Amino acid sequence: MDTFAIAGELVVGRVGFGAMRLPTGPGPDRDRSIAVARRAVELGVTLIDTAHLYGWGANEELLAEALHPYPEGLLVTTKVGVAPTAPGREADLCGRPEFLRAQVDDGLRRLRVEHHDLLQLHRVDPAVPLADQVGALRDLRDAGKIRHIGLSEVTVGQLAEAREIVEIASVQNRYNLLDREHDTVVDACEQAGIAFLPWRPVHPATLTPDADAINTVAAELAATPAQIALAWLLHRSPVILPIPGTSSLTHLADNTAAASLHLSDDHLSILNQP
């Protein structure tokens, strides 16, 4: 599998794993989640993405139960900046420095680590100056609790503003073959050598019979549509590190195998049609 060095030093395989979909409740579902996380590592995955939001820490605890002590070379990255809210709403953004500091400490405890190798701001809180949010993470980095800082769902302008405050190692925006809203962010990351971790790397529409171009290429390569979508991302930019999520061992194996697919110029021409 091709690799990429996040921040020039965290070397990971280019197809990671998003842990968001892993059930965390007790019983057989939890056992299967632990098996999937462990199998991902066995298949060579070295980048696993989680967040405080995923089960309000339960996902972080699940990964620690499954994988701690972490194998050498495995990067488990988490995100902070989203808070529980009143009934009827899923969550609220909260970028207040004291809140970010508390979630960072919670993540250290749940993941059973002394520092976060990569900690990402889950969303920019519009009610708090970006400088205060990124500055809080910079201070935590200086205190030794964070090694590298990333952002999620940001514009080119927000990325540029954040980089004036602290080094940014990664960006995690929604992006895939059928949803290219953040093309300019991908380009900005490539120019700066910043890792781009697309969430929802496989658009649901790629899995429908109407996805003619994707299905055509998949048939020619004896691959699944999801594998084609992931292979396209890997070709789109050398800084892209897809983090497909699944709770299925079969889909996990398919996703990791996408790293070995080769898309010809003809295939890319078909996939890149408007």
Foldseek 3Di string as FASTA:
>chain_A
DDWADFVNHLIFDQAAAELLPQDQDDDPSLVLSLVLLVVLVVLRGQEYEEECLRVNLSSLLSNLVNAPVHDPSHAYEYEDFWAQDDPPDSIDGHQALVRRVVRLVSSCVSNVHQAHAEYEHAADHPVDPLLRNLVSVVVCCVVVRYVAYAYEDDAPVSVVVSVVRDNHREYEYADWLVDHPRVVVLVVCQVVVHAYEHPCHDPPVLQDPVVVLLVVVCVVQVAHSRLSGLLVQVVSGVRYRYHYYDSDNVVSVRSSCSVVDDQDPVSVVSSPDD
